[in-house]
Amino acid sequence: MLKWIAGGMAAFLAGRYLLRLNRASDTLVTRTTLKVNKVGLSGLELKAKVRLQNPNPISLSILFPFVNVTHNRTSIGSSKVKNETLQLPANGEKTFELTIQSVGWLSLIQTLGTGIVQQIRSGQKVVLNLLTTVSSRVNGVPFEKKDSIQLSV
């Protein structure tokens, strides 16, 4: 009888922990900012600052975040992939600085249009509506967050 009670209690605690992990993945907050680092011959280089906030009472193990920047559903740049696992403390936050190398000028012309690319290359101010997607794994559970950002170039 004692084995059944211990087994039931273990199953209850394991289920409660898994439910908390699932909820933690849903309540994780991301804040992403973008700025232009440089405009070069190979395209735009952007700096992304990703802040992950954990409002949960349990610490989380996260895979280093991957950022993809899109315009009109077409990718214009992404960060490098790192196979690094980090700890996000309970009720804490971490900030990551990422370099995003855009695709070349030819692809930017196809995505943004020749007028906008000419304005960027000549130094005129252009405002782009971009969508950033932050992807990661939180304690083995896939995590994805999308943010709309206006980038001034």
Protein backbone atom coordinates (compact mmCIF):
# COMPACT_ATOMS: atom_id res chain seq x y z
CA MET A 1 0.00 0.00 0.00
CA LEU A 2 2.87 2.34 0.84
CA LYS A 3 4.36 1.75 -2.65
CA TRP A 4 1.10 2.93 -4.28
CA ILE A 5 0.99 6.08 -2.19
CA ALA A 6 4.66 6.87 -2.91
CA GLY A 7 4.14 6.18 -6.64
CA GLY A 8 1.04 8.38 -6.73
CA MET A 9 2.84 11.18 -4.94
CA ALA A 10 5.83 10.92 -7.33
CA ALA A 11 3.50 11.00 -10.35
CA PHE A 12 1.69 14.04 -8.92
CA LEU A 13 4.93 15.96 -8.29
CA ALA A 14 6.34 15.06 -11.70
CA GLY A 15 3.12 16.17 -13.41
CA ARG A 16 3.12 19.42 -11.44
CA TYR A 17 6.74 20.10 -12.42
CA LEU A 18 6.05 19.40 -16.11
CA LEU A 19 3.00 21.67 -16.01
CA ARG A 20 5.15 24.45 -14.51
CA LEU A 21 7.76 23.98 -17.23
CA ASN A 22 5.12 24.20 -19.95
CA ARG A 23 3.62 27.32 -18.36
CA ALA A 24 7.11 28.82 -17.95
CA SER A 25 7.75 28.43 -21.67
CA ASP A 26 4.49 30.29 -22.39
CA THR A 27 5.16 33.16 -19.96
CA LEU A 28 8.79 33.82 -20.91
CA VAL A 29 9.06 37.45 -22.09
CA THR A 30 11.40 38.66 -24.84
CA ARG A 31 12.31 42.20 -25.80
CA THR A 32 14.20 42.65 -29.05
CA THR A 33 15.79 45.84 -30.34
CA LEU A 34 17.62 46.34 -33.62
CA LYS A 35 20.03 48.99 -34.79
CA VAL A 36 22.24 49.37 -37.84
CA ASN A 37 25.88 48.63 -37.06
CA LYS A 38 27.30 49.39 -40.51
CA VAL A 39 26.44 49.58 -44.17
CA GLY A 40 29.12 47.87 -46.23
CA LEU A 41 29.79 46.32 -49.60
CA SER A 42 28.31 42.99 -48.52
CA GLY A 43 25.04 44.46 -47.22
CA LEU A 44 23.70 45.69 -43.90
CA GLU A 45 25.09 44.57 -40.57
CA LEU A 46 22.59 44.86 -37.72
CA LYS A 47 23.03 44.58 -33.97
CA ALA A 48 20.24 42.84 -32.11
CA LYS A 49 19.80 43.07 -28.37
CA VAL A 50 17.57 40.31 -26.99
CA ARG A 51 16.43 40.46 -23.38
CA LEU A 52 14.85 37.31 -21.97
CA GLN A 53 12.85 37.72 -18.77
CA ASN A 54 11.74 34.81 -16.61
CA PRO A 55 8.80 35.78 -14.35
CA ASN A 56 8.48 32.20 -13.06
CA PRO A 57 9.54 30.82 -9.68
CA ILE A 58 11.71 28.11 -11.32
CA SER A 59 15.03 28.50 -13.13
CA LEU A 60 15.08 27.60 -16.81
CA SER A 61 17.65 26.00 -19.05
CA ILE A 62 17.59 27.71 -22.46
CA LEU A 63 19.42 27.18 -25.71
CA PHE A 64 21.24 30.28 -26.99
CA PRO A 65 18.61 32.32 -28.88
CA PHE A 66 18.53 32.47 -32.69
CA VAL A 67 17.16 35.65 -34.31
CA ASN A 68 15.76 35.84 -37.85
CA VAL A 69 14.80 39.21 -39.36
CA THR A 70 12.16 39.25 -42.11
CA HIS A 71 10.51 41.84 -44.33
CA ASN A 72 7.30 40.86 -46.14
CA ARG A 73 7.83 37.19 -45.16
CA THR A 74 11.31 37.12 -46.73
CA SER A 75 14.40 36.72 -44.56
CA ILE A 76 16.85 39.58 -44.83
CA GLY A 77 19.28 38.41 -42.14
CA SER A 78 19.84 36.09 -39.21
CA SER A 79 22.19 35.52 -36.31
CA LYS A 80 24.69 32.70 -36.04
CA VAL A 81 23.57 29.42 -34.50
CA LYS A 82 25.25 28.50 -31.21
CA ASN A 83 24.85 25.15 -29.52
CA GLU A 84 25.20 26.59 -26.03
CA THR A 85 22.86 26.02 -23.10
CA LEU A 86 22.44 28.80 -20.54
CA GLN A 87 20.66 29.07 -17.21
CA LEU A 88 17.98 31.71 -16.75
CA PRO A 89 17.45 32.19 -12.99
CA ALA A 90 14.04 32.20 -11.35
CA ASN A 91 12.47 35.68 -11.52
CA GLY A 92 15.53 36.90 -13.44
CA GLU A 93 16.64 38.04 -16.85
CA LYS A 94 19.55 37.82 -19.31
CA THR A 95 20.54 40.07 -22.18
CA PHE A 96 22.25 38.89 -25.35
CA GLU A 97 24.01 41.00 -28.01
CA LEU A 98 23.88 39.39 -31.45
CA THR A 99 25.33 40.43 -34.81
CA ILE A 100 23.00 39.93 -37.76
CA GLN A 101 24.60 39.89 -41.18
CA SER A 102 22.04 40.60 -43.86
CA VAL A 103 21.86 38.90 -47.20
CA GLY A 104 23.71 40.65 -50.04
CA TRP A 105 22.61 43.79 -51.84
CA LEU A 106 21.11 41.81 -54.74
CA SER A 107 18.74 39.97 -52.40
CA LEU A 108 17.97 43.20 -50.54
CA ILE A 109 17.02 44.83 -53.86
CA GLN A 110 14.66 41.92 -54.58
CA THR A 111 13.12 42.10 -51.10
CA LEU A 112 13.03 45.84 -50.35
CA GLY A 113 12.99 47.29 -53.85
CA THR A 114 15.52 49.38 -55.74
CA GLY A 115 14.26 52.73 -54.40
CA ILE A 116 14.73 51.83 -50.76
CA VAL A 117 18.14 50.23 -51.35
CA GLN A 118 19.33 53.32 -53.24
CA GLN A 119 18.20 55.52 -50.34
CA ILE A 120 20.08 53.30 -47.86
CA ARG A 121 23.27 53.31 -49.94
CA SER A 122 23.16 57.09 -50.44
CA GLY A 123 22.72 57.72 -46.70
CA GLN A 124 19.13 58.96 -46.71
CA LYS A 125 16.89 58.10 -43.77
CA VAL A 126 14.62 55.10 -44.39
CA VAL A 127 12.19 53.47 -41.96
CA LEU A 128 11.66 49.71 -42.46
CA ASN A 129 8.91 47.62 -40.87
CA LEU A 130 10.59 44.35 -39.90
CA LEU A 131 9.53 41.21 -38.08
CA THR A 132 12.03 39.57 -35.72
CA THR A 133 11.61 35.96 -34.68
CA VAL A 134 13.48 34.74 -31.60
CA SER A 135 13.74 30.93 -31.50
CA SER A 136 15.13 28.79 -28.72
CA ARG A 137 14.42 25.74 -26.58
CA VAL A 138 13.34 26.20 -22.98
CA ASN A 139 14.01 23.05 -20.94
CA GLY A 140 13.66 21.04 -24.14
CA VAL A 141 10.37 22.71 -25.15
CA PRO A 142 10.49 24.75 -28.41
CA PHE A 143 10.05 28.49 -27.88
CA GLU A 144 9.35 31.14 -30.52
CA LYS A 145 8.46 34.81 -30.12
CA LYS A 146 7.75 37.30 -32.92
CA ASP A 147 8.06 41.10 -32.60
CA SER A 148 7.30 43.86 -35.10
CA ILE A 149 10.04 46.49 -35.16
CA GLN A 150 10.51 49.74 -37.05
CA LEU A 151 14.16 50.15 -38.03
CA SER A 152 15.53 53.55 -39.03
CA VAL A 153 18.42 53.23 -41.44
